[in-house]
Amino acid sequence: MAFLDAFRPASALADLLDKEKAAILKGDFATLETLSKSKESLLSLVAKSKTPVVVLQDLKKRSEHNKRLLMASAKGLRTARERILSLRHQSRGFTAYGPAGKATEIERKSLTMKRKA
């Protein structure tokens, strides 16, 4: 039975890494936060157990894959944020160049008509 106990934390960590991958792909950041607490405790159990090197290599591979997914997700979020900010800036106006080549900011003006009393 002791031999099988050595595989349990590693197996549980492998399952958790699969759940983490699914949460990353869905963009479910609340689940990622919840999983991180369990992941810490499982990592300490795996470190204390006599897990075979092959299993540790598999766990490392899964963890690195999740890391790459998270990095790509963060890059995508940064790019989307920059694009939104760019679109907001463009909606305020634009830059035009005059005959002398000098840049001039053109502000957008309201298209509504004002009534005079």
PDB file of N, CA and C in Angstrom:
ATOM      1  N   MET A   1       0.814  -1.197   0.000  1.00  0.00           N
ATOM      2  CA  MET A   1       0.000   0.000   0.000  1.00  0.00           C
ATOM      3  C   MET A   1       0.856   1.260   0.000  1.00  0.00           C
ATOM      4  N   ALA A   2       2.011   1.232   0.684  1.00  0.00           N
ATOM      5  CA  ALA A   2       2.882   2.406   0.749  1.00  0.00           C
ATOM      6  C   ALA A   2       3.379   2.788  -0.636  1.00  0.00           C
ATOM      7  N   PHE A   3       3.598   1.792  -1.483  1.00  0.00           N
ATOM      8  CA  PHE A   3       4.055   2.075  -2.839  1.00  0.00           C
ATOM      9  C   PHE A   3       3.016   2.884  -3.617  1.00  0.00           C
ATOM     10  N   LEU A   4       1.758   2.522  -3.466  1.00  0.00           N
ATOM     11  CA  LEU A   4       0.682   3.250  -4.149  1.00  0.00           C
ATOM     12  C   LEU A   4       0.482   4.647  -3.566  1.00  0.00           C
ATOM     13  N   ASP A   5       0.712   4.809  -2.274  1.00  0.00           N
ATOM     14  CA  ASP A   5       0.574   6.124  -1.640  1.00  0.00           C
ATOM     15  C   ASP A   5       1.547   7.141  -2.238  1.00  0.00           C
ATOM     16  N   ALA A   6       2.694   6.662  -2.684  1.00  0.00           N
ATOM     17  CA  ALA A   6       3.687   7.573  -3.269  1.00  0.00           C
ATOM     18  C   ALA A   6       3.171   8.202  -4.559  1.00  0.00           C
ATOM     19  N   PHE A   7       2.268   7.538  -5.248  1.00  0.00           N
ATOM     20  CA  PHE A   7       1.753   8.055  -6.511  1.00  0.00           C
ATOM     21  C   PHE A   7       0.537   8.958  -6.348  1.00  0.00           C
ATOM     22  N   ARG A   8      -0.087   8.913  -5.230  1.00  0.00           N
ATOM     23  CA  ARG A   8      -1.320   9.685  -5.060  1.00  0.00           C
ATOM     24  C   ARG A   8      -1.125  11.195  -5.161  1.00  0.00           C
ATOM     25  N   PRO A   9      -0.149  11.806  -4.471  1.00  0.00           N
ATOM     26  CA  PRO A   9      -0.006  13.258  -4.615  1.00  0.00           C
ATOM     27  C   PRO A   9       0.346  13.654  -6.048  1.00  0.00           C
ATOM     28  N   ALA A  10       1.159  12.848  -6.695  1.00  0.00           N
ATOM     29  CA  ALA A  10       1.538  13.139  -8.078  1.00  0.00           C
ATOM     30  C   ALA A  10       0.328  13.016  -9.002  1.00  0.00           C
ATOM     31  N   SER A  11      -0.483  12.001  -8.776  1.00  0.00           N
ATOM     32  CA  SER A  11      -1.686  11.811  -9.585  1.00  0.00           C
ATOM     33  C   SER A  11      -2.676  12.957  -9.364  1.00  0.00           C
ATOM     34  N   ALA A  12      -2.832  13.346  -8.108  1.00  0.00           N
ATOM     35  CA  ALA A  12      -3.727  14.462  -7.795  1.00  0.00           C
ATOM     36  C   ALA A  12      -3.215  15.760  -8.420  1.00  0.00           C
ATOM     37  N   LEU A  13      -1.892  15.951  -8.394  1.00  0.00           N
ATOM     38  CA  LEU A  13      -1.316  17.153  -9.000  1.00  0.00           C
ATOM     39  C   LEU A  13      -1.496  17.133 -10.512  1.00  0.00           C
ATOM     40  N   ALA A  14      -1.357  15.971 -11.127  1.00  0.00           N
ATOM     41  CA  ALA A  14      -1.575  15.851 -12.569  1.00  0.00           C
ATOM     42  C   ALA A  14      -3.013  16.210 -12.927  1.00  0.00           C
ATOM     43  N   ASP A  15      -3.965  15.725 -12.141  1.00  0.00           N
ATOM     44  CA  ASP A  15      -5.373  16.068 -12.371  1.00  0.00           C
ATOM     45  C   ASP A  15      -5.608  17.560 -12.199  1.00  0.00           C
ATOM     46  N   LEU A  16      -4.986  18.125 -11.170  1.00  0.00           N
ATOM     47  CA  LEU A  16      -5.143  19.557 -10.924  1.00  0.00           C
ATOM     48  C   LEU A  16      -4.545  20.380 -12.073  1.00  0.00           C
ATOM     49  N   LEU A  17      -3.405  19.948 -12.604  1.00  0.00           N
ATOM     50  CA  LEU A  17      -2.793  20.659 -13.733  1.00  0.00           C
ATOM     51  C   LEU A  17      -3.674  20.586 -14.976  1.00  0.00           C
ATOM     52  N   ASP A  18      -4.376  19.469 -15.150  1.00  0.00           N
ATOM     53  CA  ASP A  18      -5.329  19.365 -16.260  1.00  0.00           C
ATOM     54  C   ASP A  18      -6.503  20.329 -16.068  1.00  0.00           C
ATOM     55  N   LYS A  19      -6.989  20.427 -14.826  1.00  0.00           N
ATOM     56  CA  LYS A  19      -8.073  21.378 -14.533  1.00  0.00           C
ATOM     57  C   LYS A  19      -7.592  22.812 -14.735  1.00  0.00           C
ATOM     58  N   GLU A  20      -6.347  23.069 -14.346  1.00  0.00           N
ATOM     59  CA  GLU A  20      -5.765  24.401 -14.531  1.00  0.00           C
ATOM     60  C   GLU A  20      -5.688  24.747 -16.018  1.00  0.00           C
ATOM     61  N   LYS A  21      -5.276  23.792 -16.822  1.00  0.00           N
ATOM     62  CA  LYS A  21      -5.200  24.004 -18.273  1.00  0.00           C
ATOM     63  C   LYS A  21      -6.577  24.348 -18.844  1.00  0.00           C
ATOM     64  N   ALA A  22      -7.577  23.597 -18.434  1.00  0.00           N
ATOM     65  CA  ALA A  22      -8.947  23.850 -18.912  1.00  0.00           C
ATOM     66  C   ALA A  22      -9.418  25.241 -18.488  1.00  0.00           C
ATOM     67  N   ALA A  23      -9.094  25.644 -17.266  1.00  0.00           N
ATOM     68  CA  ALA A  23      -9.496  26.968 -16.781  1.00  0.00           C
ATOM     69  C   ALA A  23      -8.782  28.070 -17.553  1.00  0.00           C
ATOM     70  N   ILE A  24      -7.520  27.859 -17.881  1.00  0.00           N
ATOM     71  CA  ILE A  24      -6.766  28.851 -18.653  1.00  0.00           C
ATOM     72  C   ILE A  24      -7.397  28.998 -20.033  1.00  0.00           C
ATOM     73  N   LEU A  25      -7.702  27.877 -20.666  1.00  0.00           N
ATOM     74  CA  LEU A  25      -8.285  27.920 -22.015  1.00  0.00           C
ATOM     75  C   LEU A  25      -9.670  28.570 -22.021  1.00  0.00           C
ATOM     76  N   LYS A  26     -10.415  28.431 -20.926  1.00  0.00           N
ATOM     77  CA  LYS A  26     -11.732  29.065 -20.820  1.00  0.00           C
ATOM     78  C   LYS A  26     -11.639  30.520 -20.391  1.00  0.00           C
ATOM     79  N   GLY A  27     -10.493  30.911 -19.829  1.00  0.00           N
ATOM     80  CA  GLY A  27     -10.350  32.262 -19.283  1.00  0.00           C
ATOM     81  C   GLY A  27     -11.028  32.396 -17.928  1.00  0.00           C
ATOM     82  N   ASP A  28     -11.146  31.302 -17.228  1.00  0.00           N
ATOM     83  CA  ASP A  28     -11.810  31.273 -15.921  1.00  0.00           C
ATOM     84  C   ASP A  28     -10.782  31.565 -14.824  1.00  0.00           C
ATOM     85  N   PHE A  29     -10.509  32.840 -14.589  1.00  0.00           N
ATOM     86  CA  PHE A  29      -9.462  33.241 -13.658  1.00  0.00           C
ATOM     87  C   PHE A  29      -9.853  33.016 -12.198  1.00  0.00           C
ATOM     88  N   ALA A  30     -11.133  32.988 -11.903  1.00  0.00           N
ATOM     89  CA  ALA A  30     -11.577  32.695 -10.529  1.00  0.00           C
ATOM     90  C   ALA A  30     -11.217  31.259 -10.155  1.00  0.00           C
ATOM     91  N   THR A  31     -11.405  30.347 -11.080  1.00  0.00           N
ATOM     92  CA  THR A  31     -11.043  28.952 -10.832  1.00  0.00           C
ATOM     93  C   THR A  31      -9.536  28.818 -10.668  1.00  0.00           C
ATOM     94  N   LEU A  32      -8.776  29.567 -11.452  1.00  0.00           N
ATOM     95  CA  LEU A  32      -7.312  29.514 -11.344  1.00  0.00           C
ATOM     96  C   LEU A  32      -6.852  29.924  -9.946  1.00  0.00           C
ATOM     97  N   GLU A  33      -7.498  30.920  -9.404  1.00  0.00           N
ATOM     98  CA  GLU A  33      -7.142  31.370  -8.058  1.00  0.00           C
ATOM     99  C   GLU A  33      -7.431  30.275  -7.037  1.00  0.00           C
ATOM    100  N   THR A  34      -8.557  29.622  -7.175  1.00  0.00           N
ATOM    101  CA  THR A  34      -8.922  28.537  -6.260  1.00  0.00           C
ATOM    102  C   THR A  34      -7.949  27.362  -6.388  1.00  0.00           C
ATOM    103  N   LEU A  35      -7.605  27.030  -7.610  1.00  0.00           N
ATOM    104  CA  LEU A  35      -6.700  25.907  -7.845  1.00  0.00           C
ATOM    105  C   LEU A  35      -5.292  26.171  -7.322  1.00  0.00           C
ATOM    106  N   SER A  36      -4.880  27.421  -7.300  1.00  0.00           N
ATOM    107  CA  SER A  36      -3.509  27.729  -6.879  1.00  0.00           C
ATOM    108  C   SER A  36      -3.254  27.334  -5.423  1.00  0.00           C
ATOM    109  N   LYS A  37      -4.269  27.462  -4.580  1.00  0.00           N
ATOM    110  CA  LYS A  37      -4.111  27.077  -3.174  1.00  0.00           C
ATOM    111  C   LYS A  37      -3.909  25.560  -3.042  1.00  0.00           C
ATOM    112  N   SER A  38      -4.703  24.801  -3.762  1.00  0.00           N
ATOM    113  CA  SER A  38      -4.564  23.342  -3.743  1.00  0.00           C
ATOM    114  C   SER A  38      -3.236  22.922  -4.365  1.00  0.00           C
ATOM    115  N   LYS A  39      -2.839  23.641  -5.381  1.00  0.00           N
ATOM    116  CA  LYS A  39      -1.592  23.324  -6.078  1.00  0.00           C
ATOM    117  C   LYS A  39      -0.389  23.453  -5.141  1.00  0.00           C
ATOM    118  N   GLU A  40      -0.393  24.486  -4.319  1.00  0.00           N
ATOM    119  CA  GLU A  40       0.705  24.675  -3.372  1.00  0.00           C
ATOM    120  C   GLU A  40       0.828  23.503  -2.412  1.00  0.00           C
ATOM    121  N   SER A  41      -0.289  23.071  -1.854  1.00  0.00           N
ATOM    122  CA  SER A  41      -0.240  21.959  -0.892  1.00  0.00           C
ATOM    123  C   SER A  41       0.163  20.657  -1.583  1.00  0.00           C
ATOM    124  N   LEU A  42      -0.335  20.435  -2.796  1.00  0.00           N
ATOM    125  CA  LEU A  42       0.044  19.217  -3.514  1.00  0.00           C
ATOM    126  C   LEU A  42       1.523  19.229  -3.891  1.00  0.00           C
ATOM    127  N   LEU A  43       2.045  20.383  -4.239  1.00  0.00           N
ATOM    128  CA  LEU A  43       3.465  20.471  -4.574  1.00  0.00           C
ATOM    129  C   LEU A  43       4.338  20.086  -3.379  1.00  0.00           C
ATOM    130  N   SER A  44       3.942  20.536  -2.202  1.00  0.00           N
ATOM    131  CA  SER A  44       4.719  20.175  -1.012  1.00  0.00           C
ATOM    132  C   SER A  44       4.612  18.675  -0.722  1.00  0.00           C
ATOM    133  N   LEU A  45       3.452  18.088  -0.948  1.00  0.00           N
ATOM    134  CA  LEU A  45       3.295  16.638  -0.750  1.00  0.00           C
ATOM    135  C   LEU A  45       4.123  15.847  -1.763  1.00  0.00           C
ATOM    136  N   VAL A  46       4.135  16.309  -2.995  1.00  0.00           N
ATOM    137  CA  VAL A  46       4.924  15.637  -4.028  1.00  0.00           C
ATOM    138  C   VAL A  46       6.408  15.743  -3.693  1.00  0.00           C
ATOM    139  N   ALA A  47       6.829  16.904  -3.191  1.00  0.00           N
ATOM    140  CA  ALA A  47       8.240  17.092  -2.823  1.00  0.00           C
ATOM    141  C   ALA A  47       8.650  16.149  -1.694  1.00  0.00           C
ATOM    142  N   LYS A  48       7.739  15.848  -0.777  1.00  0.00           N
ATOM    143  CA  LYS A  48       8.034  14.953   0.354  1.00  0.00           C
ATOM    144  C   LYS A  48       7.955  13.480  -0.029  1.00  0.00           C
ATOM    145  N   SER A  49       7.206  13.189  -1.094  1.00  0.00           N
ATOM    146  CA  SER A  49       7.013  11.788  -1.481  1.00  0.00           C
ATOM    147  C   SER A  49       8.183  11.308  -2.343  1.00  0.00           C
ATOM    148  N   LYS A  50       8.248  10.009  -2.499  1.00  0.00           N
ATOM    149  CA  LYS A  50       9.290   9.404  -3.331  1.00  0.00           C
ATOM    150  C   LYS A  50       8.701   9.128  -4.704  1.00  0.00           C
ATOM    151  N   THR A  51       8.454  10.221  -5.432  1.00  0.00           N
ATOM    152  CA  THR A  51       7.853  10.126  -6.753  1.00  0.00           C
ATOM    153  C   THR A  51       8.932   9.792  -7.785  1.00  0.00           C
ATOM    154  N   PRO A  52       8.651   8.830  -8.670  1.00  0.00           N
ATOM    155  CA  PRO A  52       9.630   8.475  -9.699  1.00  0.00           C
ATOM    156  C   PRO A  52       9.960   9.668 -10.610  1.00  0.00           C
ATOM    157  N   VAL A  53      11.169   9.662 -11.132  1.00  0.00           N
ATOM    158  CA  VAL A  53      11.653  10.761 -11.973  1.00  0.00           C
ATOM    159  C   VAL A  53      10.772  10.940 -13.211  1.00  0.00           C
ATOM    160  N   VAL A  54      10.313   9.854 -13.784  1.00  0.00           N
ATOM    161  CA  VAL A  54       9.467   9.919 -14.983  1.00  0.00           C
ATOM    162  C   VAL A  54       8.183  10.694 -14.692  1.00  0.00           C
ATOM    163  N   VAL A  55       7.600  10.444 -13.552  1.00  0.00           N
ATOM    164  CA  VAL A  55       6.365  11.130 -13.159  1.00  0.00           C
ATOM    165  C   VAL A  55       6.650  12.611 -12.911  1.00  0.00           C
ATOM    166  N   LEU A  56       7.764  12.903 -12.271  1.00  0.00           N
ATOM    167  CA  LEU A  56       8.142  14.305 -12.023  1.00  0.00           C
ATOM    168  C   LEU A  56       8.378  15.048 -13.336  1.00  0.00           C
ATOM    169  N   GLN A  57       8.979  14.373 -14.301  1.00  0.00           N
ATOM    170  CA  GLN A  57       9.197  14.993 -15.604  1.00  0.00           C
ATOM    171  C   GLN A  57       7.877  15.298 -16.303  1.00  0.00           C
ATOM    172  N   ASP A  58       6.922  14.375 -16.174  1.00  0.00           N
ATOM    173  CA  ASP A  58       5.593  14.604 -16.756  1.00  0.00           C
ATOM    174  C   ASP A  58       4.910  15.798 -16.090  1.00  0.00           C
ATOM    175  N   LEU A  59       5.007  15.879 -14.766  1.00  0.00           N
ATOM    176  CA  LEU A  59       4.404  17.008 -14.040  1.00  0.00           C
ATOM    177  C   LEU A  59       5.065  18.327 -14.457  1.00  0.00           C
ATOM    178  N   LYS A  60       6.369  18.294 -14.621  1.00  0.00           N
ATOM    179  CA  LYS A  60       7.093  19.494 -15.049  1.00  0.00           C
ATOM    180  C   LYS A  60       6.645  19.915 -16.450  1.00  0.00           C
ATOM    181  N   LYS A  61       6.490  18.946 -17.332  1.00  0.00           N
ATOM    182  CA  LYS A  61       6.047  19.220 -18.703  1.00  0.00           C
ATOM    183  C   LYS A  61       4.653  19.870 -18.704  1.00  0.00           C
ATOM    184  N   ARG A  62       3.752  19.321 -17.909  1.00  0.00           N
ATOM    185  CA  ARG A  62       2.387  19.872 -17.822  1.00  0.00           C
ATOM    186  C   ARG A  62       2.405  21.290 -17.246  1.00  0.00           C
ATOM    187  N   SER A  63       3.209  21.465 -16.216  1.00  0.00           N
ATOM    188  CA  SER A  63       3.304  22.774 -15.564  1.00  0.00           C
ATOM    189  C   SER A  63       3.870  23.827 -16.514  1.00  0.00           C
ATOM    190  N   GLU A  64       4.907  23.457 -17.262  1.00  0.00           N
ATOM    191  CA  GLU A  64       5.501  24.393 -18.222  1.00  0.00           C
ATOM    192  C   GLU A  64       4.534  24.732 -19.346  1.00  0.00           C
ATOM    193  N   HIS A  65       3.746  23.747 -19.759  1.00  0.00           N
ATOM    194  CA  HIS A  65       2.740  24.000 -20.798  1.00  0.00           C
ATOM    195  C   HIS A  65       1.698  25.004 -20.288  1.00  0.00           C
ATOM    196  N   ASN A  66       1.253  24.813 -19.063  1.00  0.00           N
ATOM    197  CA  ASN A  66       0.295  25.754 -18.472  1.00  0.00           C
ATOM    198  C   ASN A  66       0.904  27.143 -18.343  1.00  0.00           C
ATOM    199  N   LYS A  67       2.175  27.192 -18.005  1.00  0.00           N
ATOM    200  CA  LYS A  67       2.861  28.482 -17.905  1.00  0.00           C
ATOM    201  C   LYS A  67       2.855  29.198 -19.260  1.00  0.00           C
ATOM    202  N   ARG A  68       3.146  28.464 -20.324  1.00  0.00           N
ATOM    203  CA  ARG A  68       3.134  29.066 -21.665  1.00  0.00           C
ATOM    204  C   ARG A  68       1.735  29.553 -22.033  1.00  0.00           C
ATOM    205  N   LEU A  69       0.724  28.775 -21.665  1.00  0.00           N
ATOM    206  CA  LEU A  69      -0.658  29.201 -21.923  1.00  0.00           C
ATOM    207  C   LEU A  69      -0.997  30.477 -21.165  1.00  0.00           C
ATOM    208  N   LEU A  70      -0.572  30.559 -19.900  1.00  0.00           N
ATOM    209  CA  LEU A  70      -0.824  31.763 -19.100  1.00  0.00           C
ATOM    210  C   LEU A  70      -0.106  32.976 -19.679  1.00  0.00           C
ATOM    211  N   MET A  71       1.120  32.782 -20.123  1.00  0.00           N
ATOM    212  CA  MET A  71       1.883  33.887 -20.711  1.00  0.00           C
ATOM    213  C   MET A  71       1.207  34.377 -21.999  1.00  0.00           C
ATOM    214  N   ALA A  72       0.741  33.448 -22.807  1.00  0.00           N
ATOM    215  CA  ALA A  72       0.042  33.817 -24.039  1.00  0.00           C
ATOM    216  C   ALA A  72      -1.266  34.540 -23.722  1.00  0.00           C
ATOM    217  N   SER A  73      -1.949  34.077 -22.692  1.00  0.00           N
ATOM    218  CA  SER A  73      -3.194  34.722 -22.271  1.00  0.00           C
ATOM    219  C   SER A  73      -2.933  36.150 -21.798  1.00  0.00           C
ATOM    220  N   ALA A  74      -1.876  36.323 -21.011  1.00  0.00           N
ATOM    221  CA  ALA A  74      -1.527  37.661 -20.523  1.00  0.00           C
ATOM    222  C   ALA A  74      -1.151  38.576 -21.687  1.00  0.00           C
ATOM    223  N   LYS A  75      -0.426  38.042 -22.652  1.00  0.00           N
ATOM    224  CA  LYS A  75      -0.050  38.842 -23.829  1.00  0.00           C
ATOM    225  C   LYS A  75      -1.303  39.252 -24.606  1.00  0.00           C
ATOM    226  N   GLY A  76      -2.231  38.333 -24.755  1.00  0.00           N
ATOM    227  CA  GLY A  76      -3.481  38.643 -25.450  1.00  0.00           C
ATOM    228  C   GLY A  76      -4.286  39.713 -24.730  1.00  0.00           C
ATOM    229  N   LEU A  77      -4.324  39.642 -23.411  1.00  0.00           N
ATOM    230  CA  LEU A  77      -5.045  40.655 -22.629  1.00  0.00           C
ATOM    231  C   LEU A  77      -4.385  42.025 -22.764  1.00  0.00           C
ATOM    232  N   ARG A  78      -3.043  42.052 -22.727  1.00  0.00           N
ATOM    233  CA  ARG A  78      -2.325  43.332 -22.897  1.00  0.00           C
ATOM    234  C   ARG A  78      -2.594  43.922 -24.281  1.00  0.00           C
ATOM    235  N   THR A  79      -2.557  43.077 -25.301  1.00  0.00           N
ATOM    236  CA  THR A  79      -2.801  43.533 -26.670  1.00  0.00           C
ATOM    237  C   THR A  79      -4.220  44.081 -26.813  1.00  0.00           C
ATOM    238  N   ALA A  80      -5.186  43.391 -26.241  1.00  0.00           N
ATOM    239  CA  ALA A  80      -6.579  43.847 -26.301  1.00  0.00           C
ATOM    240  C   ALA A  80      -6.743  45.181 -25.574  1.00  0.00           C
ATOM    241  N   ARG A  81      -6.096  45.313 -24.432  1.00  0.00           N
ATOM    242  CA  ARG A  81      -6.168  46.568 -23.671  1.00  0.00           C
ATOM    243  C   ARG A  81      -5.569  47.721 -24.472  1.00  0.00           C
ATOM    244  N   GLU A  82      -4.412  47.481 -25.084  1.00  0.00           N
ATOM    245  CA  GLU A  82      -3.768  48.513 -25.898  1.00  0.00           C
ATOM    246  C   GLU A  82      -4.652  48.903 -27.081  1.00  0.00           C
ATOM    247  N   ARG A  83      -5.298  47.929 -27.678  1.00  0.00           N
ATOM    248  CA  ARG A  83      -6.174  48.204 -28.830  1.00  0.00           C
ATOM    249  C   ARG A  83      -7.381  49.033 -28.393  1.00  0.00           C
ATOM    250  N   ILE A  84      -7.957  48.710 -27.269  1.00  0.00           N
ATOM    251  CA  ILE A  84      -9.103  49.479 -26.761  1.00  0.00           C
ATOM    252  C   ILE A  84      -8.689  50.915 -26.486  1.00  0.00           C
ATOM    253  N   LEU A  85      -7.533  51.085 -25.849  1.00  0.00           N
ATOM    254  CA  LEU A  85      -7.039  52.437 -25.578  1.00  0.00           C
ATOM    255  C   LEU A  85      -6.774  53.192 -26.872  1.00  0.00           C
ATOM    256  N   SER A  86      -6.244  52.498 -27.865  1.00  0.00           N
ATOM    257  CA  SER A  86      -5.984  53.119 -29.163  1.00  0.00           C
ATOM    258  C   SER A  86      -7.284  53.567 -29.826  1.00  0.00           C
ATOM    259  N   LEU A  87      -8.306  52.721 -29.746  1.00  0.00           N
ATOM    260  CA  LEU A  87      -9.602  53.075 -30.338  1.00  0.00           C
ATOM    261  C   LEU A  87     -10.242  54.258 -29.611  1.00  0.00           C
ATOM    262  N   ARG A  88     -10.087  54.306 -28.292  1.00  0.00           N
ATOM    263  CA  ARG A  88     -10.619  55.448 -27.539  1.00  0.00           C
ATOM    264  C   ARG A  88      -9.925  56.736 -27.943  1.00  0.00           C
ATOM    265  N   HIS A  89      -8.610  56.646 -28.126  1.00  0.00           N
ATOM    266  CA  HIS A  89      -7.850  57.831 -28.518  1.00  0.00           C
ATOM    267  C   HIS A  89      -8.271  58.291 -29.914  1.00  0.00           C
ATOM    268  N   GLN A  90      -8.494  57.344 -30.825  1.00  0.00           N
ATOM    269  CA  GLN A  90      -8.905  57.679 -32.180  1.00  0.00           C
ATOM    270  C   GLN A  90     -10.295  58.297 -32.222  1.00  0.00           C
ATOM    271  N   SER A  91     -11.160  57.915 -31.298  1.00  0.00           N
ATOM    272  CA  SER A  91     -12.519  58.434 -31.309  1.00  0.00           C
ATOM    273  C   SER A  91     -12.566  59.906 -30.903  1.00  0.00           C
ATOM    274  N   ARG A  92     -11.518  60.398 -30.257  1.00  0.00           N
ATOM    275  CA  ARG A  92     -11.480  61.811 -29.854  1.00  0.00           C
ATOM    276  C   ARG A  92     -11.060  62.722 -30.998  1.00  0.00           C
ATOM    277  N   GLY A  93     -10.415  62.168 -31.981  1.00  0.00           N
ATOM    278  CA  GLY A  93      -9.946  62.968 -33.100  1.00  0.00           C
ATOM    279  C   GLY A  93      -8.866  62.227 -33.849  1.00  0.00           C
ATOM    280  N   PHE A  94      -8.145  62.981 -34.689  1.00  0.00           N
ATOM    281  CA  PHE A  94      -7.080  62.355 -35.457  1.00  0.00           C
ATOM    282  C   PHE A  94      -6.020  63.400 -35.780  1.00  0.00           C
ATOM    283  N   THR A  95      -4.915  62.937 -36.328  1.00  0.00           N
ATOM    284  CA  THR A  95      -3.817  63.822 -36.698  1.00  0.00           C
ATOM    285  C   THR A  95      -3.800  63.970 -38.209  1.00  0.00           C
ATOM    286  N   ALA A  96      -3.699  65.202 -38.668  1.00  0.00           N
ATOM    287  CA  ALA A  96      -3.592  65.475 -40.102  1.00  0.00           C
ATOM    288  C   ALA A  96      -2.323  66.297 -40.338  1.00  0.00           C
ATOM    289  N   TYR A  97      -1.830  66.239 -41.557  1.00  0.00           N
ATOM    290  CA  TYR A  97      -0.621  66.972 -41.899  1.00  0.00           C
ATOM    291  C   TYR A  97      -0.968  68.073 -42.897  1.00  0.00           C
ATOM    292  N   GLY A  98      -0.477  69.265 -42.630  1.00  0.00           N
ATOM    293  CA  GLY A  98      -0.729  70.403 -43.503  1.00  0.00           C
ATOM    294  C   GLY A  98       0.239  70.420 -44.675  1.00  0.00           C
ATOM    295  N   PRO A  99       0.115  71.433 -45.562  1.00  0.00           N
ATOM    296  CA  PRO A  99       0.976  71.522 -46.743  1.00  0.00           C
ATOM    297  C   PRO A  99       2.468  71.601 -46.382  1.00  0.00           C
ATOM    298  N   ALA A 100       2.793  72.170 -45.243  1.00  0.00           N
ATOM    299  CA  ALA A 100       4.191  72.296 -44.835  1.00  0.00           C
ATOM    300  C   ALA A 100       4.691  71.021 -44.155  1.00  0.00           C
ATOM    301  N   GLY A 101       3.835  70.025 -43.992  1.00  0.00           N
ATOM    302  CA  GLY A 101       4.227  68.776 -43.365  1.00  0.00           C
ATOM    303  C   GLY A 101       4.121  68.787 -41.855  1.00  0.00           C
ATOM    304  N   LYS A 102       3.519  69.824 -41.299  1.00  0.00           N
ATOM    305  CA  LYS A 102       3.383  69.929 -39.850  1.00  0.00           C
ATOM    306  C   LYS A 102       2.134  69.164 -39.398  1.00  0.00           C
ATOM    307  N   ALA A 103       2.291  68.372 -38.327  1.00  0.00           N
ATOM    308  CA  ALA A 103       1.173  67.594 -37.797  1.00  0.00           C
ATOM    309  C   ALA A 103       0.234  68.495 -37.006  1.00  0.00           C
ATOM    310  N   THR A 104      -1.055  68.293 -37.204  1.00  0.00           N
ATOM    311  CA  THR A 104      -2.076  69.063 -36.506  1.00  0.00           C
ATOM    312  C   THR A 104      -3.116  68.095 -35.967  1.00  0.00           C
ATOM    313  N   GLU A 105      -3.456  68.258 -34.692  1.00  0.00           N
ATOM    314  CA  GLU A 105      -4.497  67.433 -34.086  1.00  0.00           C
ATOM    315  C   GLU A 105      -5.868  67.990 -34.483  1.00  0.00           C
ATOM    316  N   ILE A 106      -6.714  67.156 -35.007  1.00  0.00           N
ATOM    317  CA  ILE A 106      -8.084  67.527 -35.370  1.00  0.00           C
ATOM    318  C   ILE A 106      -9.005  66.872 -34.349  1.00  0.00           C
ATOM    319  N   GLU A 107      -9.688  67.686 -33.569  1.00  0.00           N
ATOM    320  CA  GLU A 107     -10.612  67.166 -32.555  1.00  0.00           C
ATOM    321  C   GLU A 107     -11.978  66.919 -33.183  1.00  0.00           C
ATOM    322  N   ARG A 108     -12.644  65.923 -32.701  1.00  0.00           N
ATOM    323  CA  ARG A 108     -14.007  65.658 -33.166  1.00  0.00           C
ATOM    324  C   ARG A 108     -14.940  66.642 -32.493  1.00  0.00           C
ATOM    325  N   LYS A 109     -15.862  67.134 -33.272  1.00  0.00           N
ATOM    326  CA  LYS A 109     -16.841  68.074 -32.743  1.00  0.00           C
ATOM    327  C   LYS A 109     -18.210  67.424 -32.765  1.00  0.00           C
ATOM    328  N   SER A 110     -19.045  67.878 -31.881  1.00  0.00           N
ATOM    329  CA  SER A 110     -20.396  67.359 -31.793  1.00  0.00           C
ATOM    330  C   SER A 110     -21.152  67.716 -33.059  1.00  0.00           C
ATOM    331  N   LEU A 111     -21.970  66.820 -33.542  1.00  0.00           N
ATOM    332  CA  LEU A 111     -22.769  67.045 -34.748  1.00  0.00           C
ATOM    333  C   LEU A 111     -24.172  67.590 -34.428  1.00  0.00           C
ATOM    334  N   THR A 112     -24.443  67.836 -33.181  1.00  0.00           N
ATOM    335  CA  THR A 112     -25.759  68.345 -32.819  1.00  0.00           C
ATOM    336  C   THR A 112     -25.800  69.849 -33.058  1.00  0.00           C
ATOM    337  N   MET A 113     -26.971  70.332 -33.388  1.00  0.00           N
ATOM    338  CA  MET A 113     -27.130  71.771 -33.637  1.00  0.00           C
ATOM    339  C   MET A 113     -27.623  72.433 -32.366  1.00  0.00           C
ATOM    340  N   LYS A 114     -27.112  73.606 -32.120  1.00  0.00           N
ATOM    341  CA  LYS A 114     -27.535  74.352 -30.958  1.00  0.00           C
ATOM    342  C   LYS A 114     -28.539  75.410 -31.394  1.00  0.00           C
ATOM    343  N   ARG A 115     -29.580  75.563 -30.611  1.00  0.00           N
ATOM    344  CA  ARG A 115     -30.614  76.556 -30.934  1.00  0.00           C
ATOM    345  C   ARG A 115     -30.298  77.841 -30.203  1.00  0.00           C
ATOM    346  N   LYS A 116     -30.533  78.933 -30.893  1.00  0.00           N
ATOM    347  CA  LYS A 116     -30.368  80.235 -30.253  1.00  0.00           C
ATOM    348  C   LYS A 116     -31.735  80.753 -29.844  1.00  0.00           C
ATOM    349  N   ALA A 117     -31.768  81.390 -28.743  1.00  0.00           N
ATOM    350  CA  ALA A 117     -33.045  81.886 -28.230  1.00  0.00           C
ATOM    351  C   ALA A 117     -33.437  83.171 -28.867  1.00  0.00           C
TER     352      ALA A 117
END
